[in-house]
């Protein structure tokens, strides 16, 4: 997505002060009932968030939209929920509930 074109949030997940595992647990819980197409802004102060969030979106199939450019602190990232996203485990949101098409059983 081009800079400045990140859509407004339908849901905002505040992960201020949370590290990767706790951030993903909160994100998973807060989007559990959201509809596909929902735009989520994640506030993340963890220095690894710019790497972790795109990787998590790639793993799950959600669309990573990038940092929100009008955020003065540079700590807000956007994603769009996908209809065909892979569910993650409630206790381990970095692991999918079901194998992906390219994973052998």
PDB file of N, CA and C in Angstrom:
ATOM      1  N   UNK A   1       0.836  -1.166   0.000  1.00  0.00           N
ATOM      2  CA  UNK A   1       0.000   0.000   0.000  1.00  0.00           C
ATOM      3  C   UNK A   1       0.890   1.241   0.000  1.00  0.00           C
ATOM      4  N   UNK A   2       0.510   2.270  -0.705  1.00  0.00           N
ATOM      5  CA  UNK A   2       1.300   3.491  -0.782  1.00  0.00           C
ATOM      6  C   UNK A   2       1.230   4.260   0.528  1.00  0.00           C
ATOM      7  N   UNK A   3       2.295   4.998   0.855  1.00  0.00           N
ATOM      8  CA  UNK A   3       2.283   5.793   2.073  1.00  0.00           C
ATOM      9  C   UNK A   3       1.081   6.723   2.115  1.00  0.00           C
ATOM     10  N   UNK A   4       0.472   6.839   3.292  1.00  0.00           N
ATOM     11  CA  UNK A   4      -0.654   7.732   3.469  1.00  0.00           C
ATOM     12  C   UNK A   4      -1.991   7.137   3.087  1.00  0.00           C
ATOM     13  N   UNK A   5      -2.019   5.939   2.520  1.00  0.00           N
ATOM     14  CA  UNK A   5      -3.271   5.352   2.073  1.00  0.00           C
ATOM     15  C   UNK A   5      -3.790   4.253   2.991  1.00  0.00           C
ATOM     16  N   UNK A   6      -3.278   4.166   4.206  1.00  0.00           N
ATOM     17  CA  UNK A   6      -3.774   3.170   5.150  1.00  0.00           C
ATOM     18  C   UNK A   6      -5.165   3.606   5.596  1.00  0.00           C
ATOM     19  N   UNK A   7      -6.165   2.726   5.448  1.00  0.00           N
ATOM     20  CA  UNK A   7      -7.528   3.107   5.813  1.00  0.00           C
ATOM     21  C   UNK A   7      -7.696   3.325   7.318  1.00  0.00           C
ATOM     22  N   UNK A   8      -8.745   4.042   7.663  1.00  0.00           N
ATOM     23  CA  UNK A   8      -9.078   4.267   9.074  1.00  0.00           C
ATOM     24  C   UNK A   8      -9.400   2.935   9.742  1.00  0.00           C
ATOM     25  N   UNK A   9      -9.204   2.893  11.039  1.00  0.00           N
ATOM     26  CA  UNK A   9      -9.408   1.661  11.801  1.00  0.00           C
ATOM     27  C   UNK A   9     -10.883   1.400  12.071  1.00  0.00           C
ATOM     28  N   UNK A  10     -11.265   0.133  11.935  1.00  0.00           N
ATOM     29  CA  UNK A  10     -12.558  -0.335  12.435  1.00  0.00           C
ATOM     30  C   UNK A  10     -12.387  -0.794  13.885  1.00  0.00           C
ATOM     31  N   UNK A  11     -11.213  -1.355  14.177  1.00  0.00           N
ATOM     32  CA  UNK A  11     -10.849  -1.834  15.516  1.00  0.00           C
ATOM     33  C   UNK A  11      -9.435  -1.339  15.797  1.00  0.00           C
ATOM     34  N   UNK A  12      -9.187  -0.900  17.025  1.00  0.00           N
ATOM     35  CA  UNK A  12      -7.832  -0.563  17.453  1.00  0.00           C
ATOM     36  C   UNK A  12      -7.457  -1.469  18.612  1.00  0.00           C
ATOM     37  N   UNK A  13      -6.323  -2.130  18.479  1.00  0.00           N
ATOM     38  CA  UNK A  13      -5.805  -3.016  19.520  1.00  0.00           C
ATOM     39  C   UNK A  13      -4.620  -2.303  20.168  1.00  0.00           C
ATOM     40  N   UNK A  14      -4.738  -2.015  21.457  1.00  0.00           N
ATOM     41  CA  UNK A  14      -3.667  -1.312  22.163  1.00  0.00           C
ATOM     42  C   UNK A  14      -2.718  -2.320  22.791  1.00  0.00           C
ATOM     43  N   UNK A  15      -1.555  -2.456  22.177  1.00  0.00           N
ATOM     44  CA  UNK A  15      -0.535  -3.362  22.682  1.00  0.00           C
ATOM     45  C   UNK A  15       0.636  -2.616  23.288  1.00  0.00           C
ATOM     46  N   UNK A  16       0.390  -1.392  23.746  1.00  0.00           N
ATOM     47  CA  UNK A  16       1.447  -0.582  24.348  1.00  0.00           C
ATOM     48  C   UNK A  16       2.103  -1.344  25.496  1.00  0.00           C
ATOM     49  N   UNK A  17       3.418  -1.463  25.437  1.00  0.00           N
ATOM     50  CA  UNK A  17       4.168  -2.122  26.497  1.00  0.00           C
ATOM     51  C   UNK A  17       4.216  -3.632  26.408  1.00  0.00           C
ATOM     52  N   UNK A  18       3.501  -4.225  25.452  1.00  0.00           N
ATOM     53  CA  UNK A  18       3.483  -5.682  25.327  1.00  0.00           C
ATOM     54  C   UNK A  18       4.564  -6.153  24.366  1.00  0.00           C
ATOM     55  N   UNK A  19       5.195  -7.250  24.701  1.00  0.00           N
ATOM     56  CA  UNK A  19       6.151  -7.880  23.795  1.00  0.00           C
ATOM     57  C   UNK A  19       5.397  -8.839  22.886  1.00  0.00           C
ATOM     58  N   UNK A  20       6.079  -9.410  21.928  1.00  0.00           N
ATOM     59  CA  UNK A  20       5.475 -10.170  20.838  1.00  0.00           C
ATOM     60  C   UNK A  20       4.403 -11.157  21.278  1.00  0.00           C
ATOM     61  N   UNK A  21       4.721 -12.055  22.186  1.00  0.00           N
ATOM     62  CA  UNK A  21       3.760 -13.094  22.564  1.00  0.00           C
ATOM     63  C   UNK A  21       2.490 -12.476  23.129  1.00  0.00           C
ATOM     64  N   UNK A  22       2.631 -11.574  24.083  1.00  0.00           N
ATOM     65  CA  UNK A  22       1.464 -10.941  24.694  1.00  0.00           C
ATOM     66  C   UNK A  22       0.700 -10.096  23.676  1.00  0.00           C
ATOM     67  N   UNK A  23       1.411  -9.431  22.782  1.00  0.00           N
ATOM     68  CA  UNK A  23       0.768  -8.632  21.742  1.00  0.00           C
ATOM     69  C   UNK A  23      -0.079  -9.516  20.834  1.00  0.00           C
ATOM     70  N   UNK A  24       0.466 -10.637  20.390  1.00  0.00           N
ATOM     71  CA  UNK A  24      -0.288 -11.539  19.516  1.00  0.00           C
ATOM     72  C   UNK A  24      -1.472 -12.165  20.241  1.00  0.00           C
ATOM     73  N   UNK A  25      -1.326 -12.485  21.528  1.00  0.00           N
ATOM     74  CA  UNK A  25      -2.453 -13.008  22.306  1.00  0.00           C
ATOM     75  C   UNK A  25      -3.582 -11.979  22.365  1.00  0.00           C
ATOM     76  N   UNK A  26      -3.240 -10.717  22.629  1.00  0.00           N
ATOM     77  CA  UNK A  26      -4.265  -9.669  22.681  1.00  0.00           C
ATOM     78  C   UNK A  26      -4.881  -9.448  21.299  1.00  0.00           C
ATOM     79  N   UNK A  27      -4.057  -9.381  20.268  1.00  0.00           N
ATOM     80  CA  UNK A  27      -4.560  -9.179  18.908  1.00  0.00           C
ATOM     81  C   UNK A  27      -5.526 -10.284  18.526  1.00  0.00           C
ATOM     82  N   UNK A  28      -5.137 -11.529  18.750  1.00  0.00           N
ATOM     83  CA  UNK A  28      -5.993 -12.666  18.403  1.00  0.00           C
ATOM     84  C   UNK A  28      -7.331 -12.579  19.129  1.00  0.00           C
ATOM     85  N   UNK A  29      -7.304 -12.277  20.417  1.00  0.00           N
ATOM     86  CA  UNK A  29      -8.533 -12.193  21.209  1.00  0.00           C
ATOM     87  C   UNK A  29      -9.452 -11.079  20.703  1.00  0.00           C
ATOM     88  N   UNK A  30      -8.878  -9.940  20.361  1.00  0.00           N
ATOM     89  CA  UNK A  30      -9.698  -8.789  19.984  1.00  0.00           C
ATOM     90  C   UNK A  30     -10.252  -8.869  18.564  1.00  0.00           C
ATOM     91  N   UNK A  31      -9.668  -9.702  17.716  1.00  0.00           N
ATOM     92  CA  UNK A  31     -10.202  -9.830  16.349  1.00  0.00           C
ATOM     93  C   UNK A  31     -11.013 -11.107  16.170  1.00  0.00           C
ATOM     94  N   UNK A  32     -11.159 -11.896  17.217  1.00  0.00           N
ATOM     95  CA  UNK A  32     -11.793 -13.215  17.117  1.00  0.00           C
ATOM     96  C   UNK A  32     -13.178 -13.176  16.471  1.00  0.00           C
ATOM     97  N   UNK A  33     -13.966 -12.184  16.766  1.00  0.00           N
ATOM     98  CA  UNK A  33     -15.334 -12.106  16.246  1.00  0.00           C
ATOM     99  C   UNK A  33     -15.484 -11.086  15.113  1.00  0.00           C
ATOM    100  N   UNK A  34     -14.394 -10.494  14.680  1.00  0.00           N
ATOM    101  CA  UNK A  34     -14.460  -9.460  13.641  1.00  0.00           C
ATOM    102  C   UNK A  34     -14.708 -10.080  12.268  1.00  0.00           C
ATOM    103  N   UNK A  35     -15.353  -9.335  11.432  1.00  0.00           N
ATOM    104  CA  UNK A  35     -15.693  -9.767  10.076  1.00  0.00           C
ATOM    105  C   UNK A  35     -14.508  -9.600   9.126  1.00  0.00           C
ATOM    106  N   UNK A  36     -14.442 -10.430   8.082  1.00  0.00           N
ATOM    107  CA  UNK A  36     -13.427 -10.222   7.040  1.00  0.00           C
ATOM    108  C   UNK A  36     -13.566  -8.813   6.463  1.00  0.00           C
ATOM    109  N   UNK A  37     -12.445  -8.228   6.131  1.00  0.00           N
ATOM    110  CA  UNK A  37     -12.435  -6.868   5.603  1.00  0.00           C
ATOM    111  C   UNK A  37     -12.255  -5.810   6.673  1.00  0.00           C
ATOM    112  N   UNK A  38     -12.382  -6.207   7.928  1.00  0.00           N
ATOM    113  CA  UNK A  38     -12.186  -5.274   9.033  1.00  0.00           C
ATOM    114  C   UNK A  38     -10.749  -4.762   9.023  1.00  0.00           C
ATOM    115  N   UNK A  39     -10.592  -3.457   9.153  1.00  0.00           N
ATOM    116  CA  UNK A  39      -9.261  -2.855   9.247  1.00  0.00           C
ATOM    117  C   UNK A  39      -8.917  -2.707  10.725  1.00  0.00           C
ATOM    118  N   UNK A  40      -7.766  -3.254  11.093  1.00  0.00           N
ATOM    119  CA  UNK A  40      -7.309  -3.240  12.478  1.00  0.00           C
ATOM    120  C   UNK A  40      -6.041  -2.403  12.565  1.00  0.00           C
ATOM    121  N   UNK A  41      -6.025  -1.461  13.494  1.00  0.00           N
ATOM    122  CA  UNK A  41      -4.803  -0.726  13.807  1.00  0.00           C
ATOM    123  C   UNK A  41      -4.273  -1.297  15.110  1.00  0.00           C
ATOM    124  N   UNK A  42      -3.000  -1.636  15.114  1.00  0.00           N
ATOM    125  CA  UNK A  42      -2.348  -2.211  16.283  1.00  0.00           C
ATOM    126  C   UNK A  42      -1.327  -1.206  16.798  1.00  0.00           C
ATOM    127  N   UNK A  43      -1.501  -0.794  18.044  1.00  0.00           N
ATOM    128  CA  UNK A  43      -0.518   0.070  18.692  1.00  0.00           C
ATOM    129  C   UNK A  43       0.498  -0.860  19.338  1.00  0.00           C
ATOM    130  N   UNK A  44       1.734  -0.780  18.892  1.00  0.00           N
ATOM    131  CA  UNK A  44       2.760  -1.713  19.359  1.00  0.00           C
ATOM    132  C   UNK A  44       4.072  -0.982  19.588  1.00  0.00           C
ATOM    133  N   UNK A  45       4.516  -0.970  20.830  1.00  0.00           N
ATOM    134  CA  UNK A  45       5.779  -0.315  21.168  1.00  0.00           C
ATOM    135  C   UNK A  45       6.955  -1.287  21.183  1.00  0.00           C
ATOM    136  N   UNK A  46       6.690  -2.571  21.019  1.00  0.00           N
ATOM    137  CA  UNK A  46       7.760  -3.575  20.956  1.00  0.00           C
ATOM    138  C   UNK A  46       8.614  -3.284  19.718  1.00  0.00           C
ATOM    139  N   UNK A  47       9.934  -3.146  19.861  1.00  0.00           N
ATOM    140  CA  UNK A  47      10.788  -2.860  18.708  1.00  0.00           C
ATOM    141  C   UNK A  47      10.726  -3.937  17.625  1.00  0.00           C
ATOM    142  N   UNK A  48      10.281  -5.140  17.972  1.00  0.00           N
ATOM    143  CA  UNK A  48      10.190  -6.218  16.984  1.00  0.00           C
ATOM    144  C   UNK A  48       8.866  -6.198  16.214  1.00  0.00           C
ATOM    145  N   UNK A  49       7.924  -5.363  16.609  1.00  0.00           N
ATOM    146  CA  UNK A  49       6.609  -5.328  15.960  1.00  0.00           C
ATOM    147  C   UNK A  49       6.674  -5.118  14.447  1.00  0.00           C
ATOM    148  N   UNK A  50       7.562  -4.249  13.917  1.00  0.00           N
ATOM    149  CA  UNK A  50       7.609  -4.080  12.462  1.00  0.00           C
ATOM    150  C   UNK A  50       8.002  -5.356  11.714  1.00  0.00           C
ATOM    151  N   UNK A  51       8.591  -6.310  12.407  1.00  0.00           N
ATOM    152  CA  UNK A  51       8.916  -7.611  11.807  1.00  0.00           C
ATOM    153  C   UNK A  51       7.858  -8.647  12.155  1.00  0.00           C
ATOM    154  N   UNK A  52       7.420  -8.660  13.406  1.00  0.00           N
ATOM    155  CA  UNK A  52       6.486  -9.681  13.883  1.00  0.00           C
ATOM    156  C   UNK A  52       5.108  -9.578  13.241  1.00  0.00           C
ATOM    157  N   UNK A  53       4.572  -8.373  13.123  1.00  0.00           N
ATOM    158  CA  UNK A  53       3.220  -8.229  12.585  1.00  0.00           C
ATOM    159  C   UNK A  53       3.121  -8.646  11.115  1.00  0.00           C
ATOM    160  N   UNK A  54       4.038  -8.222  10.230  1.00  0.00           N
ATOM    161  CA  UNK A  54       3.957  -8.714   8.849  1.00  0.00           C
ATOM    162  C   UNK A  54       4.135 -10.232   8.769  1.00  0.00           C
ATOM    163  N   UNK A  55       5.017 -10.784   9.602  1.00  0.00           N
ATOM    164  CA  UNK A  55       5.228 -12.241   9.592  1.00  0.00           C
ATOM    165  C   UNK A  55       3.967 -12.965  10.047  1.00  0.00           C
ATOM    166  N   UNK A  56       3.307 -12.449  11.075  1.00  0.00           N
ATOM    167  CA  UNK A  56       2.078 -13.068  11.570  1.00  0.00           C
ATOM    168  C   UNK A  56       0.983 -12.983  10.502  1.00  0.00           C
ATOM    169  N   UNK A  57       0.880 -11.840   9.834  1.00  0.00           N
ATOM    170  CA  UNK A  57      -0.112 -11.699   8.759  1.00  0.00           C
ATOM    171  C   UNK A  57       0.177 -12.676   7.625  1.00  0.00           C
ATOM    172  N   UNK A  58       1.436 -12.833   7.265  1.00  0.00           N
ATOM    173  CA  UNK A  58       1.808 -13.783   6.210  1.00  0.00           C
ATOM    174  C   UNK A  58       1.421 -15.205   6.621  1.00  0.00           C
ATOM    175  N   UNK A  59       1.685 -15.567   7.868  1.00  0.00           N
ATOM    176  CA  UNK A  59       1.376 -16.907   8.354  1.00  0.00           C
ATOM    177  C   UNK A  59      -0.132 -17.162   8.384  1.00  0.00           C
ATOM    178  N   UNK A  60      -0.904 -16.174   8.795  1.00  0.00           N
ATOM    179  CA  UNK A  60      -2.341 -16.370   8.954  1.00  0.00           C
ATOM    180  C   UNK A  60      -3.131 -16.088   7.682  1.00  0.00           C
ATOM    181  N   UNK A  61      -2.581 -15.289   6.782  1.00  0.00           N
ATOM    182  CA  UNK A  61      -3.305 -14.940   5.568  1.00  0.00           C
ATOM    183  C   UNK A  61      -4.010 -13.595   5.635  1.00  0.00           C
ATOM    184  N   UNK A  62      -3.856 -12.866   6.748  1.00  0.00           N
ATOM    185  CA  UNK A  62      -4.403 -11.514   6.818  1.00  0.00           C
ATOM    186  C   UNK A  62      -3.499 -10.594   5.996  1.00  0.00           C
ATOM    187  N   UNK A  63      -4.012  -9.441   5.615  1.00  0.00           N
ATOM    188  CA  UNK A  63      -3.260  -8.497   4.788  1.00  0.00           C
ATOM    189  C   UNK A  63      -2.588  -7.446   5.666  1.00  0.00           C
ATOM    190  N   UNK A  64      -1.267  -7.421   5.645  1.00  0.00           N
ATOM    191  CA  UNK A  64      -0.520  -6.396   6.375  1.00  0.00           C
ATOM    192  C   UNK A  64      -0.509  -5.139   5.522  1.00  0.00           C
ATOM    193  N   UNK A  65      -1.000  -4.033   6.065  1.00  0.00           N
ATOM    194  CA  UNK A  65      -1.092  -2.786   5.314  1.00  0.00           C
ATOM    195  C   UNK A  65       0.065  -1.837   5.596  1.00  0.00           C
ATOM    196  N   UNK A  66       0.798  -2.077   6.677  1.00  0.00           N
ATOM    197  CA  UNK A  66       1.970  -1.271   6.982  1.00  0.00           C
ATOM    198  C   UNK A  66       1.745  -0.301   8.114  1.00  0.00           C
ATOM    199  N   UNK A  67       2.772   0.514   8.367  1.00  0.00           N
ATOM    200  CA  UNK A  67       2.651   1.508   9.434  1.00  0.00           C
ATOM    201  C   UNK A  67       1.657   2.598   9.048  1.00  0.00           C
ATOM    202  N   UNK A  68       0.999   3.131  10.047  1.00  0.00           N
ATOM    203  CA  UNK A  68       0.072   4.242   9.835  1.00  0.00           C
ATOM    204  C   UNK A  68       0.911   5.517   9.822  1.00  0.00           C
ATOM    205  N   UNK A  69       0.956   6.166   8.677  1.00  0.00           N
ATOM    206  CA  UNK A  69       1.865   7.292   8.470  1.00  0.00           C
ATOM    207  C   UNK A  69       1.548   8.525   9.299  1.00  0.00           C
ATOM    208  N   UNK A  70       0.283   8.729   9.654  1.00  0.00           N
ATOM    209  CA  UNK A  70      -0.038   9.945  10.400  1.00  0.00           C
ATOM    210  C   UNK A  70       0.111   9.755  11.912  1.00  0.00           C
ATOM    211  N   UNK A  71       0.722   8.638  12.324  1.00  0.00           N
ATOM    212  CA  UNK A  71       1.001   8.401  13.741  1.00  0.00           C
ATOM    213  C   UNK A  71       2.334   9.051  14.088  1.00  0.00           C
ATOM    214  N   UNK A  72       2.340  10.069  14.946  1.00  0.00           N
ATOM    215  CA  UNK A  72       3.590  10.776  15.244  1.00  0.00           C
ATOM    216  C   UNK A  72       4.635   9.917  15.956  1.00  0.00           C
ATOM    217  N   UNK A  73       4.198   8.890  16.671  1.00  0.00           N
ATOM    218  CA  UNK A  73       5.138   8.039  17.403  1.00  0.00           C
ATOM    219  C   UNK A  73       5.670   6.873  16.570  1.00  0.00           C
ATOM    220  N   UNK A  74       5.051   6.603  15.430  1.00  0.00           N
ATOM    221  CA  UNK A  74       5.488   5.489  14.588  1.00  0.00           C
ATOM    222  C   UNK A  74       5.258   4.131  15.216  1.00  0.00           C
ATOM    223  N   UNK A  75       4.209   4.024  16.028  1.00  0.00           N
ATOM    224  CA  UNK A  75       3.948   2.763  16.724  1.00  0.00           C
ATOM    225  C   UNK A  75       2.610   2.136  16.356  1.00  0.00           C
ATOM    226  N   UNK A  76       1.969   2.622  15.294  1.00  0.00           N
ATOM    227  CA  UNK A  76       0.676   2.082  14.891  1.00  0.00           C
ATOM    228  C   UNK A  76       0.826   1.409  13.530  1.00  0.00           C
ATOM    229  N   UNK A  77       0.351   0.170  13.462  1.00  0.00           N
ATOM    230  CA  UNK A  77       0.454  -0.649  12.254  1.00  0.00           C
ATOM    231  C   UNK A  77      -0.945  -1.107  11.875  1.00  0.00           C
ATOM    232  N   UNK A  78      -1.182  -1.260  10.579  1.00  0.00           N
ATOM    233  CA  UNK A  78      -2.517  -1.613  10.110  1.00  0.00           C
ATOM    234  C   UNK A  78      -2.515  -2.957   9.399  1.00  0.00           C
ATOM    235  N   UNK A  79      -3.637  -3.660   9.554  1.00  0.00           N
ATOM    236  CA  UNK A  79      -3.856  -4.899   8.819  1.00  0.00           C
ATOM    237  C   UNK A  79      -5.333  -5.019   8.492  1.00  0.00           C
ATOM    238  N   UNK A  80      -5.638  -5.806   7.466  1.00  0.00           N
ATOM    239  CA  UNK A  80      -7.025  -6.061   7.066  1.00  0.00           C
ATOM    240  C   UNK A  80      -7.281  -7.550   7.216  1.00  0.00           C
ATOM    241  N   UNK A  81      -8.379  -7.888   7.885  1.00  0.00           N
ATOM    242  CA  UNK A  81      -8.702  -9.288   8.116  1.00  0.00           C
ATOM    243  C   UNK A  81      -9.191  -9.941   6.835  1.00  0.00           C
ATOM    244  N   UNK A  82      -8.726 -11.145   6.599  1.00  0.00           N
ATOM    245  CA  UNK A  82      -9.031 -11.882   5.377  1.00  0.00           C
ATOM    246  C   UNK A  82     -10.101 -12.938   5.637  1.00  0.00           C
ATOM    247  N   UNK A  83     -10.953 -13.156   4.654  1.00  0.00           N
ATOM    248  CA  UNK A  83     -12.004 -14.172   4.776  1.00  0.00           C
ATOM    249  C   UNK A  83     -11.431 -15.578   4.821  1.00  0.00           C
ATOM    250  N   UNK A  84     -10.304 -15.793   4.180  1.00  0.00           N
ATOM    251  CA  UNK A  84      -9.736 -17.147   4.125  1.00  0.00           C
ATOM    252  C   UNK A  84      -8.505 -17.301   5.022  1.00  0.00           C
ATOM    253  N   UNK A  85      -8.439 -16.493   6.076  1.00  0.00           N
ATOM    254  CA  UNK A  85      -7.296 -16.557   6.993  1.00  0.00           C
ATOM    255  C   UNK A  85      -7.298 -17.872   7.765  1.00  0.00           C
ATOM    256  N   UNK A  86      -6.107 -18.323   8.083  1.00  0.00           N
ATOM    257  CA  UNK A  86      -5.959 -19.517   8.912  1.00  0.00           C
ATOM    258  C   UNK A  86      -6.114 -19.113  10.375  1.00  0.00           C
ATOM    259  N   UNK A  87      -6.916 -19.890  11.106  1.00  0.00           N
ATOM    260  CA  UNK A  87      -7.097 -19.634  12.539  1.00  0.00           C
ATOM    261  C   UNK A  87      -5.827 -20.018  13.281  1.00  0.00           C
ATOM    262  N   UNK A  88      -5.594 -19.325  14.380  1.00  0.00           N
ATOM    263  CA  UNK A  88      -4.440 -19.650  15.207  1.00  0.00           C
ATOM    264  C   UNK A  88      -4.910 -20.232  16.530  1.00  0.00           C
ATOM    265  N   UNK A  89      -3.984 -20.893  17.197  1.00  0.00           N
ATOM    266  CA  UNK A  89      -4.311 -21.488  18.490  1.00  0.00           C
ATOM    267  C   UNK A  89      -4.513 -20.383  19.528  1.00  0.00           C
ATOM    268  N   UNK A  90      -5.519 -20.519  20.401  1.00  0.00           N
ATOM    269  CA  UNK A  90      -5.769 -19.490  21.415  1.00  0.00           C
ATOM    270  C   UNK A  90      -4.587 -19.275  22.358  1.00  0.00           C
ATOM    271  N   UNK A  91      -3.857 -20.335  22.651  1.00  0.00           N
ATOM    272  CA  UNK A  91      -2.736 -20.248  23.584  1.00  0.00           C
ATOM    273  C   UNK A  91      -1.413 -19.958  22.898  1.00  0.00           C
ATOM    274  N   UNK A  92      -1.399 -20.041  21.577  1.00  0.00           N
ATOM    275  CA  UNK A  92      -0.167 -19.843  20.813  1.00  0.00           C
ATOM    276  C   UNK A  92      -0.520 -19.242  19.453  1.00  0.00           C
ATOM    277  N   UNK A  93      -0.805 -17.930  19.405  1.00  0.00           N
ATOM    278  CA  UNK A  93      -1.266 -17.321  18.162  1.00  0.00           C
ATOM    279  C   UNK A  93      -0.227 -17.282  17.056  1.00  0.00           C
ATOM    280  N   UNK A  94       0.954 -17.756  17.318  1.00  0.00           N
ATOM    281  CA  UNK A  94       1.984 -17.871  16.289  1.00  0.00           C
ATOM    282  C   UNK A  94       1.936 -19.252  15.645  1.00  0.00           C
ATOM    283  N   UNK A  95       0.978 -20.097  16.045  1.00  0.00           N
ATOM    284  CA  UNK A  95       0.782 -21.426  15.449  1.00  0.00           C
ATOM    285  C   UNK A  95      -0.641 -21.515  14.909  1.00  0.00           C
ATOM    286  N   UNK A  96      -0.782 -22.055  13.709  1.00  0.00           N
ATOM    287  CA  UNK A  96      -2.111 -22.186  13.128  1.00  0.00           C
ATOM    288  C   UNK A  96      -2.817 -23.416  13.683  1.00  0.00           C
ATOM    289  N   UNK A  97      -4.167 -23.343  13.704  1.00  0.00           N
ATOM    290  CA  UNK A  97      -5.004 -24.455  14.155  1.00  0.00           C
ATOM    291  C   UNK A  97      -4.993 -25.601  13.161  1.00  0.00           C
ATOM    292  N   UNK A  98      -4.876 -25.262  11.905  1.00  0.00           N
ATOM    293  CA  UNK A  98      -4.928 -26.279  10.852  1.00  0.00           C
ATOM    294  C   UNK A  98      -3.732 -26.105   9.936  1.00  0.00           C
ATOM    295  N   UNK A  99      -3.306 -27.176   9.320  1.00  0.00           N
ATOM    296  CA  UNK A  99      -2.164 -27.051   8.414  1.00  0.00           C
ATOM    297  C   UNK A  99      -2.523 -26.229   7.180  1.00  0.00           C
ATOM    298  N   UNK A 100      -1.550 -25.514   6.666  1.00  0.00           N
ATOM    299  CA  UNK A 100      -1.769 -24.781   5.418  1.00  0.00           C
ATOM    300  C   UNK A 100      -1.674 -25.761   4.255  1.00  0.00           C
ATOM    301  N   UNK A 101      -2.051 -25.322   3.080  1.00  0.00           N
ATOM    302  CA  UNK A 101      -2.067 -26.191   1.901  1.00  0.00           C
ATOM    303  C   UNK A 101      -0.684 -26.728   1.564  1.00  0.00           C
ATOM    304  N   UNK A 102       0.373 -25.998   1.914  1.00  0.00           N
ATOM    305  CA  UNK A 102       1.714 -26.439   1.561  1.00  0.00           C
ATOM    306  C   UNK A 102       2.421 -27.182   2.709  1.00  0.00           C
ATOM    307  N   UNK A 103       1.671 -27.537   3.749  1.00  0.00           N
ATOM    308  CA  UNK A 103       2.253 -28.262   4.875  1.00  0.00           C
ATOM    309  C   UNK A 103       1.868 -29.733   4.791  1.00  0.00           C
ATOM    310  N   UNK A 104       2.849 -30.600   4.914  1.00  0.00           N
ATOM    311  CA  UNK A 104       2.552 -32.027   4.928  1.00  0.00           C
ATOM    312  C   UNK A 104       2.019 -32.416   6.291  1.00  0.00           C
ATOM    313  N   UNK A 105       1.093 -33.348   6.294  1.00  0.00           N
ATOM    314  CA  UNK A 105       0.550 -33.845   7.563  1.00  0.00           C
ATOM    315  C   UNK A 105       1.418 -34.921   8.133  1.00  0.00           C
TER     316      UNK A 105
END
